[in-house]
Every structure is written in structure tokens, then in C-alpha cells.
Amino acid sequence: MSKKIENIDVEVNELKGKSIPTWEVIIPNKKSIGIIEKVENRYRATTTKSNNVLYAKSLEGSINDLLSYFALHEK
């Protein structure tokens, strides 16, 4: 019982003025799905809706984790 496959367009915007490298992942014209911060050589993604925390070794991995979480739990 899998869901229908669909593409999700996203924007990744670097947030300036933060003490650590920070990015916001957004679905254009809809909403923010999470914030990614680089902490101790890892990327910590925090979901916007439920504040769950996911860790990854790369920025791309962290973006994919947020998208997967959004598709499974928040959509």
C-alpha cells in the first residue's frame, strides 16, 4: 500500500546573521518544512510542525531526511 509517487519542489535558503551555518527548507508558495543547522560536523534538521530532530552527515542527506519526514508524517 504505497503512496503515489510525486515530486516535491523545495527551496533551500541560507539564513544570514546566525552564529552557526543555518538553512531553511521551504516548499515554494506553501510553507517552511524545517531548519537545518551545522553542529559539530553534523547537520541537525528540526521539523517546523512537530519540532522533531533528525541528524545527517551531509547537507544533502539532511534535506532528504526532512523531505522524507514531511512526505510520511506531515503532508
Protein backbone atom coordinates (compact mmCIF):
# COMPACT_ATOMS: atom_id res chain seq x y z
CA MET A 1 0.00 0.00 0.00
CA SER A 2 2.39 2.66 -1.14
CA LYS A 3 1.55 6.25 -1.81
CA LYS A 4 1.51 7.63 -5.32
CA ILE A 5 4.96 8.97 -6.25
CA GLU A 6 5.07 12.73 -6.66
CA ASN A 7 7.83 15.31 -6.95
CA ILE A 8 8.11 17.96 -4.26
CA ASP A 9 9.81 21.21 -5.27
CA VAL A 10 11.83 22.80 -2.49
CA GLU A 11 13.94 25.87 -1.85
CA VAL A 12 16.93 25.83 0.48
CA ASN A 13 17.79 29.29 1.78
CA GLU A 14 20.85 30.09 3.88
CA LEU A 15 19.95 32.25 6.86
CA LYS A 16 22.47 35.03 7.45
CA GLY A 17 23.37 36.50 10.82
CA LYS A 18 23.30 33.21 12.74
CA SER A 19 26.19 32.05 14.94
CA ILE A 20 26.29 28.68 13.14
CA PRO A 21 25.60 27.83 9.48
CA THR A 22 21.80 27.57 9.14
CA TRP A 23 19.44 26.82 6.24
CA GLU A 24 15.65 26.86 5.92
CA VAL A 25 13.93 24.29 3.70
CA ILE A 26 10.74 25.64 2.10
CA ILE A 27 8.09 24.29 -0.22
CA PRO A 28 7.55 27.29 -2.56
CA ASN A 29 4.23 29.10 -2.12
CA LYS A 30 3.33 26.85 0.80
CA LYS A 31 5.40 26.69 3.98
CA SER A 32 8.66 26.01 5.73
CA ILE A 33 9.21 22.33 6.48
CA GLY A 34 12.32 22.66 8.61
CA ILE A 35 15.54 24.32 9.70
CA ILE A 36 18.97 22.73 9.24
CA GLU A 37 21.94 23.72 11.39
CA LYS A 38 25.55 22.54 11.12
CA VAL A 39 26.56 21.46 14.62
CA GLU A 40 29.83 19.65 15.41
CA ASN A 41 30.41 18.43 11.82
CA ARG A 42 26.86 17.05 11.61
CA TYR A 43 23.68 18.55 10.21
CA ARG A 44 20.75 18.82 12.60
CA ALA A 45 17.36 19.20 10.95
CA THR A 46 14.40 20.30 13.05
CA THR A 47 10.95 19.87 11.56
CA THR A 48 8.81 23.00 11.64
CA LYS A 49 5.48 21.43 12.53
CA SER A 50 6.42 18.91 15.23
CA ASN A 51 9.95 20.02 16.24
CA ASN A 52 11.37 16.53 15.72
CA VAL A 53 15.16 16.43 15.32
CA LEU A 54 16.96 14.43 12.60
CA TYR A 55 20.74 14.14 12.17
CA ALA A 56 22.73 13.56 8.97
CA LYS A 57 26.36 13.63 7.84
CA SER A 58 25.75 15.96 4.88
CA LEU A 59 23.53 18.89 3.97
CA GLU A 60 22.00 16.89 1.11
CA GLY A 61 21.26 13.99 3.44
CA SER A 62 19.62 16.33 5.90
CA ILE A 63 17.45 17.87 3.17
CA ASN A 64 16.39 14.39 2.04
CA ASP A 65 15.58 13.42 5.63
CA LEU A 66 13.33 16.48 6.01
CA LEU A 67 11.56 15.72 2.74
CA SER A 68 11.02 12.08 3.69
CA TYR A 69 9.70 13.04 7.11
CA PHE A 70 7.38 15.63 5.57
CA ALA A 71 6.04 13.18 2.98
CA LEU A 72 5.41 10.45 5.56
CA HIS A 73 4.17 12.38 8.58
CA GLU A 74 3.11 15.93 7.82
CA LYS A 75 1.64 16.04 4.35
